[in-house]
Amino acid sequence: MTLQIVITSVIVISAVYILYKNIKNKATGKCDCGSCSSHCSSYKKDSSQK
């Protein structure tokens, strides 16, 4: 029972951290897709503005 609570807590904390990081990056205008390459929509926006 305790092990299940610990594992669930780790999963929930990880999910919240990832969501927070993605929202923070999106709010600052950075790419939040995980791999900024030429197919990233944020990359296309940045390259067209330069």
N, C-alpha and C. Protein backbone atom coordinates (compact mmCIF):
# COMPACT_ATOMS: atom_id res chain seq x y z
N MET A 1 0.83 -1.19 0.00
CA MET A 1 0.00 0.00 0.00
C MET A 1 0.87 1.26 0.00
N THR A 2 1.87 1.28 0.85
CA THR A 2 2.76 2.44 0.92
C THR A 2 3.55 2.60 -0.37
N LEU A 3 3.98 1.50 -0.94
CA LEU A 3 4.74 1.54 -2.19
C LEU A 3 3.89 2.11 -3.31
N GLN A 4 2.61 1.77 -3.36
CA GLN A 4 1.72 2.31 -4.38
C GLN A 4 1.56 3.81 -4.24
N ILE A 5 1.47 4.28 -3.03
CA ILE A 5 1.33 5.72 -2.78
C ILE A 5 2.60 6.45 -3.22
N VAL A 6 3.76 5.89 -2.93
CA VAL A 6 5.03 6.51 -3.32
C VAL A 6 5.15 6.55 -4.84
N ILE A 7 4.84 5.47 -5.51
CA ILE A 7 4.94 5.42 -6.97
C ILE A 7 3.95 6.40 -7.61
N THR A 8 2.73 6.45 -7.10
CA THR A 8 1.73 7.38 -7.61
C THR A 8 2.17 8.82 -7.39
N SER A 9 2.74 9.10 -6.25
CA SER A 9 3.23 10.45 -5.96
C SER A 9 4.33 10.86 -6.92
N VAL A 10 5.25 9.96 -7.20
CA VAL A 10 6.34 10.25 -8.14
C VAL A 10 5.78 10.54 -9.53
N ILE A 11 4.80 9.75 -9.97
CA ILE A 11 4.20 9.97 -11.29
C ILE A 11 3.48 11.32 -11.34
N VAL A 12 2.72 11.64 -10.31
CA VAL A 12 1.98 12.91 -10.28
C VAL A 12 2.94 14.09 -10.23
N ILE A 13 3.97 14.02 -9.42
CA ILE A 13 4.95 15.11 -9.33
C ILE A 13 5.67 15.29 -10.66
N SER A 14 6.01 14.20 -11.32
CA SER A 14 6.67 14.29 -12.63
C SER A 14 5.75 14.93 -13.65
N ALA A 15 4.49 14.56 -13.66
CA ALA A 15 3.53 15.12 -14.61
C ALA A 15 3.35 16.62 -14.38
N VAL A 16 3.23 17.02 -13.13
CA VAL A 16 3.07 18.44 -12.80
C VAL A 16 4.31 19.22 -13.22
N TYR A 17 5.49 18.67 -12.99
CA TYR A 17 6.72 19.35 -13.38
C TYR A 17 6.80 19.53 -14.89
N ILE A 18 6.47 18.49 -15.63
CA ILE A 18 6.52 18.58 -17.10
C ILE A 18 5.51 19.60 -17.60
N LEU A 19 4.30 19.58 -17.07
CA LEU A 19 3.30 20.56 -17.47
C LEU A 19 3.75 21.98 -17.15
N TYR A 20 4.29 22.19 -15.95
CA TYR A 20 4.78 23.51 -15.55
C TYR A 20 5.87 23.99 -16.49
N LYS A 21 6.81 23.10 -16.81
CA LYS A 21 7.91 23.47 -17.69
C LYS A 21 7.39 23.84 -19.08
N ASN A 22 6.46 23.07 -19.61
CA ASN A 22 5.91 23.35 -20.93
C ASN A 22 5.12 24.65 -20.95
N ILE A 23 4.33 24.89 -19.93
CA ILE A 23 3.56 26.13 -19.86
C ILE A 23 4.49 27.33 -19.73
N LYS A 24 5.53 27.20 -18.93
CA LYS A 24 6.50 28.28 -18.75
C LYS A 24 7.21 28.58 -20.07
N ASN A 25 7.63 27.55 -20.80
CA ASN A 25 8.30 27.76 -22.08
C ASN A 25 7.35 28.38 -23.09
N LYS A 26 6.10 27.94 -23.13
CA LYS A 26 5.13 28.48 -24.07
C LYS A 26 4.86 29.94 -23.76
N ALA A 27 4.79 30.31 -22.49
CA ALA A 27 4.52 31.69 -22.10
C ALA A 27 5.67 32.62 -22.47
N THR A 28 6.89 32.11 -22.46
CA THR A 28 8.04 32.95 -22.82
C THR A 28 8.33 32.92 -24.32
N GLY A 29 7.54 32.15 -25.07
CA GLY A 29 7.71 32.11 -26.51
C GLY A 29 8.71 31.09 -26.99
N LYS A 30 9.19 30.25 -26.10
CA LYS A 30 10.15 29.22 -26.49
C LYS A 30 9.42 28.00 -27.02
N CYS A 31 10.16 27.15 -27.68
CA CYS A 31 9.60 25.92 -28.21
C CYS A 31 9.39 24.94 -27.06
N ASP A 32 8.22 24.31 -27.01
CA ASP A 32 7.95 23.35 -25.95
C ASP A 32 7.65 21.96 -26.50
N CYS A 33 8.08 21.72 -27.73
CA CYS A 33 7.76 20.44 -28.37
C CYS A 33 8.73 19.33 -27.96
N GLY A 34 9.83 19.66 -27.32
CA GLY A 34 10.77 18.65 -26.87
C GLY A 34 11.97 18.51 -27.77
N SER A 35 11.79 18.79 -29.05
CA SER A 35 12.92 18.72 -29.98
C SER A 35 12.75 19.80 -31.04
N CYS A 36 13.44 20.90 -30.86
CA CYS A 36 13.32 22.00 -31.82
C CYS A 36 14.13 21.70 -33.07
N SER A 37 13.43 21.36 -34.09
CA SER A 37 14.07 21.12 -35.37
C SER A 37 13.35 21.95 -36.42
N SER A 38 13.64 21.72 -37.64
CA SER A 38 13.06 22.52 -38.70
C SER A 38 11.55 22.33 -38.84
N HIS A 39 10.99 21.25 -38.28
CA HIS A 39 9.55 21.03 -38.40
C HIS A 39 8.76 21.62 -37.23
N CYS A 40 9.42 22.24 -36.28
CA CYS A 40 8.76 22.82 -35.12
C CYS A 40 8.07 24.12 -35.52
N SER A 41 6.82 24.29 -35.11
CA SER A 41 6.07 25.50 -35.47
C SER A 41 6.69 26.75 -34.85
N SER A 42 7.23 26.64 -33.64
CA SER A 42 7.88 27.79 -33.02
C SER A 42 9.16 28.16 -33.76
N TYR A 43 9.86 27.16 -34.28
CA TYR A 43 11.07 27.42 -35.04
C TYR A 43 10.73 28.19 -36.31
N LYS A 44 9.66 27.82 -36.96
CA LYS A 44 9.25 28.50 -38.19
C LYS A 44 8.88 29.95 -37.91
N LYS A 45 8.20 30.22 -36.79
CA LYS A 45 7.85 31.58 -36.42
C LYS A 45 9.09 32.41 -36.16
N ASP A 46 10.06 31.82 -35.41
CA ASP A 46 11.28 32.53 -35.07
C ASP A 46 12.12 32.83 -36.31
N SER A 47 12.23 31.87 -37.21
CA SER A 47 13.08 32.05 -38.38
C SER A 47 12.48 33.06 -39.35
N SER A 48 11.16 33.17 -39.39
CA SER A 48 10.54 34.12 -40.31
C SER A 48 10.63 35.54 -39.77
N GLN A 49 10.78 35.71 -38.46
CA GLN A 49 10.87 37.05 -37.87
C GLN A 49 12.26 37.63 -38.00
N LYS A 50 13.27 36.79 -38.20
CA LYS A 50 14.66 37.27 -38.23
C LYS A 50 15.02 37.89 -39.52
